[in-house]
N, C-alpha and C. Protein backbone atom coordinates (compact mmCIF):
# COMPACT_ATOMS: atom_id res chain seq x y z
N MET A 1 20.37 28.87 -21.29
CA MET A 1 19.21 29.73 -21.24
C MET A 1 18.53 29.53 -19.90
N THR A 2 18.16 30.61 -19.27
CA THR A 2 17.39 30.57 -18.04
C THR A 2 16.03 31.18 -18.33
N LEU A 3 15.00 30.39 -18.22
CA LEU A 3 13.65 30.88 -18.43
C LEU A 3 12.88 30.68 -17.14
N THR A 4 12.59 31.75 -16.44
CA THR A 4 11.84 31.67 -15.20
C THR A 4 10.57 32.46 -15.35
N TYR A 5 9.48 31.84 -14.97
CA TYR A 5 8.20 32.50 -15.16
C TYR A 5 7.22 32.00 -14.11
N ASN A 6 7.45 32.38 -12.86
CA ASN A 6 6.50 32.08 -11.80
C ASN A 6 6.49 33.25 -10.82
N ASN A 7 5.71 33.14 -9.77
CA ASN A 7 5.55 34.26 -8.85
C ASN A 7 6.82 34.59 -8.08
N GLU A 8 7.71 33.60 -7.86
CA GLU A 8 8.92 33.85 -7.08
C GLU A 8 10.03 34.47 -7.94
N ASP A 9 10.16 34.01 -9.16
CA ASP A 9 11.18 34.53 -10.08
C ASP A 9 10.49 35.47 -11.06
N LYS A 10 10.90 36.71 -11.08
CA LYS A 10 10.13 37.71 -11.81
C LYS A 10 10.83 38.22 -13.06
N PHE A 11 11.55 37.35 -13.80
CA PHE A 11 12.20 37.83 -15.01
C PHE A 11 12.45 36.69 -15.99
N ILE A 12 12.72 37.07 -17.23
CA ILE A 12 13.19 36.16 -18.27
C ILE A 12 14.60 36.59 -18.61
N SER A 13 15.51 35.64 -18.75
CA SER A 13 16.89 35.99 -19.02
C SER A 13 17.54 34.96 -19.94
N ILE A 14 18.22 35.44 -20.97
CA ILE A 14 19.10 34.59 -21.77
C ILE A 14 20.49 35.17 -21.65
N GLU A 15 21.47 34.31 -21.56
CA GLU A 15 22.83 34.76 -21.27
C GLU A 15 23.83 34.16 -22.25
N GLY A 16 24.32 34.99 -23.14
CA GLY A 16 25.40 34.61 -24.05
C GLY A 16 25.04 33.53 -25.04
N ILE A 17 23.79 33.49 -25.52
CA ILE A 17 23.40 32.41 -26.42
C ILE A 17 23.92 32.66 -27.84
N ALA A 18 24.05 31.57 -28.57
CA ALA A 18 24.47 31.61 -29.97
C ALA A 18 23.64 30.59 -30.74
N ARG A 19 23.38 30.89 -31.99
CA ARG A 19 22.67 29.94 -32.87
C ARG A 19 23.35 29.94 -34.22
N ARG A 20 23.68 28.74 -34.68
CA ARG A 20 24.35 28.56 -35.95
C ARG A 20 23.65 27.46 -36.74
N TYR A 21 23.64 27.60 -38.06
CA TYR A 21 23.06 26.59 -38.94
C TYR A 21 24.14 26.11 -39.90
N PRO A 22 24.11 24.82 -40.27
CA PRO A 22 25.10 24.32 -41.23
C PRO A 22 24.86 24.87 -42.63
N LYS A 23 25.96 25.12 -43.34
CA LYS A 23 25.87 25.54 -44.75
C LYS A 23 25.84 24.29 -45.62
N ALA A 24 25.26 24.42 -46.80
CA ALA A 24 25.16 23.28 -47.71
C ALA A 24 26.53 22.74 -48.11
N GLY A 25 27.50 23.61 -48.34
CA GLY A 25 28.82 23.18 -48.78
C GLY A 25 29.79 22.92 -47.65
N GLY A 26 29.32 22.94 -46.41
CA GLY A 26 30.18 22.76 -45.25
C GLY A 26 30.34 24.07 -44.48
N GLY A 27 30.74 23.96 -43.27
CA GLY A 27 30.87 25.13 -42.41
C GLY A 27 29.53 25.50 -41.79
N GLU A 28 29.45 26.68 -41.21
CA GLU A 28 28.22 27.12 -40.57
C GLU A 28 27.97 28.59 -40.80
N THR A 29 26.70 28.96 -40.70
CA THR A 29 26.28 30.35 -40.74
C THR A 29 25.87 30.74 -39.33
N THR A 30 26.48 31.78 -38.79
CA THR A 30 26.12 32.25 -37.45
C THR A 30 24.97 33.24 -37.58
N ILE A 31 23.86 32.92 -36.91
CA ILE A 31 22.69 33.80 -36.92
C ILE A 31 22.88 34.90 -35.88
N PHE A 32 23.28 34.52 -34.67
CA PHE A 32 23.68 35.48 -33.64
C PHE A 32 24.65 34.77 -32.71
N ASP A 33 25.45 35.56 -32.03
CA ASP A 33 26.50 35.03 -31.16
C ASP A 33 26.62 35.94 -29.94
N ASP A 34 26.73 35.34 -28.76
CA ASP A 34 26.91 36.07 -27.50
C ASP A 34 25.79 37.07 -27.25
N LEU A 35 24.54 36.62 -27.40
CA LEU A 35 23.36 37.47 -27.21
C LEU A 35 22.92 37.42 -25.75
N TRP A 36 22.74 38.59 -25.16
CA TRP A 36 22.29 38.72 -23.77
C TRP A 36 20.99 39.50 -23.77
N PHE A 37 20.02 39.06 -22.96
CA PHE A 37 18.72 39.73 -22.90
C PHE A 37 18.05 39.35 -21.59
N SER A 38 17.50 40.34 -20.92
CA SER A 38 16.69 40.05 -19.73
C SER A 38 15.55 41.03 -19.66
N MET A 39 14.50 40.61 -18.97
CA MET A 39 13.30 41.42 -18.88
C MET A 39 12.61 41.11 -17.56
N ASN A 40 12.20 42.15 -16.85
CA ASN A 40 11.46 41.97 -15.61
C ASN A 40 10.00 41.73 -15.91
N ARG A 41 9.33 41.04 -14.99
CA ARG A 41 7.90 40.80 -15.14
C ARG A 41 7.17 42.14 -15.25
N GLY A 42 6.23 42.23 -16.19
CA GLY A 42 5.45 43.44 -16.38
C GLY A 42 6.05 44.40 -17.39
N GLU A 43 7.29 44.17 -17.81
CA GLU A 43 7.90 45.03 -18.83
C GLU A 43 7.40 44.64 -20.21
N PHE A 44 7.44 45.58 -21.12
CA PHE A 44 7.04 45.36 -22.50
C PHE A 44 8.25 45.64 -23.38
N SER A 45 8.56 44.72 -24.27
CA SER A 45 9.70 44.90 -25.17
C SER A 45 9.31 44.53 -26.59
N CYS A 46 10.02 45.11 -27.53
CA CYS A 46 9.87 44.76 -28.94
C CYS A 46 11.21 44.31 -29.46
N ILE A 47 11.20 43.26 -30.23
CA ILE A 47 12.42 42.79 -30.89
C ILE A 47 12.29 43.18 -32.36
N ILE A 48 13.19 44.02 -32.84
CA ILE A 48 13.13 44.48 -34.22
C ILE A 48 14.44 44.17 -34.92
N GLY A 49 14.38 44.05 -36.21
CA GLY A 49 15.58 43.81 -37.00
C GLY A 49 15.19 43.39 -38.41
N HIS A 50 16.17 43.33 -39.28
CA HIS A 50 15.91 42.97 -40.67
C HIS A 50 15.58 41.49 -40.79
N SER A 51 15.04 41.12 -41.92
CA SER A 51 14.69 39.73 -42.19
C SER A 51 15.92 38.84 -42.08
N GLY A 52 15.79 37.75 -41.34
CA GLY A 52 16.87 36.79 -41.21
C GLY A 52 17.87 37.07 -40.11
N CYS A 53 17.60 38.07 -39.26
CA CYS A 53 18.59 38.42 -38.23
C CYS A 53 18.44 37.57 -36.96
N GLY A 54 17.38 36.76 -36.85
CA GLY A 54 17.26 35.85 -35.72
C GLY A 54 16.15 36.17 -34.73
N LYS A 55 15.26 37.07 -35.05
CA LYS A 55 14.18 37.45 -34.12
C LYS A 55 13.32 36.24 -33.74
N THR A 56 12.82 35.52 -34.73
CA THR A 56 11.98 34.36 -34.46
C THR A 56 12.78 33.25 -33.80
N THR A 57 14.03 33.10 -34.16
CA THR A 57 14.87 32.09 -33.54
C THR A 57 15.03 32.34 -32.06
N VAL A 58 15.22 33.60 -31.65
CA VAL A 58 15.32 33.94 -30.22
C VAL A 58 14.01 33.57 -29.51
N LEU A 59 12.88 33.90 -30.11
CA LEU A 59 11.59 33.57 -29.50
C LEU A 59 11.39 32.06 -29.42
N ASN A 60 11.82 31.32 -30.44
CA ASN A 60 11.73 29.86 -30.41
C ASN A 60 12.61 29.27 -29.30
N ILE A 61 13.77 29.84 -29.08
CA ILE A 61 14.64 29.39 -28.00
C ILE A 61 13.99 29.66 -26.65
N LEU A 62 13.42 30.86 -26.48
CA LEU A 62 12.72 31.17 -25.23
C LEU A 62 11.54 30.23 -24.99
N ALA A 63 10.87 29.83 -26.06
CA ALA A 63 9.72 28.93 -25.94
C ALA A 63 10.13 27.48 -25.77
N GLY A 64 11.42 27.16 -25.94
CA GLY A 64 11.90 25.79 -25.81
C GLY A 64 11.74 24.96 -27.07
N LEU A 65 11.44 25.60 -28.19
CA LEU A 65 11.27 24.90 -29.45
C LEU A 65 12.60 24.63 -30.15
N GLU A 66 13.61 25.44 -29.84
CA GLU A 66 14.96 25.27 -30.36
C GLU A 66 15.93 25.38 -29.20
N LEU A 67 17.13 24.85 -29.39
CA LEU A 67 18.18 24.96 -28.39
C LEU A 67 19.32 25.81 -28.93
N PRO A 68 19.91 26.66 -28.09
CA PRO A 68 21.08 27.42 -28.55
C PRO A 68 22.31 26.53 -28.56
N GLU A 69 23.29 26.86 -29.40
CA GLU A 69 24.55 26.11 -29.41
C GLU A 69 25.40 26.48 -28.18
N ASP A 70 25.35 27.72 -27.76
CA ASP A 70 26.13 28.20 -26.61
C ASP A 70 25.20 29.00 -25.71
N GLY A 71 25.63 29.19 -24.49
CA GLY A 71 24.92 30.06 -23.55
C GLY A 71 23.91 29.33 -22.70
N VAL A 72 23.33 30.11 -21.81
CA VAL A 72 22.31 29.56 -20.89
C VAL A 72 21.12 30.49 -20.83
């Protein structure tokens, strides 16, 4: 994940991130895989989707509260 937010770098960008959670009986549940997103400073975006699709997880990754399994 690349998070830049100062006067010299004018965008937020995530590149190919993935987030997975372990299942109770073994294995994993993929919340999202190979997600790409970028935004220039001053742009307005909305993230929409059904419950459980990973909207809050993406925001938590951008905030540094969670780490993606893959991507930068």
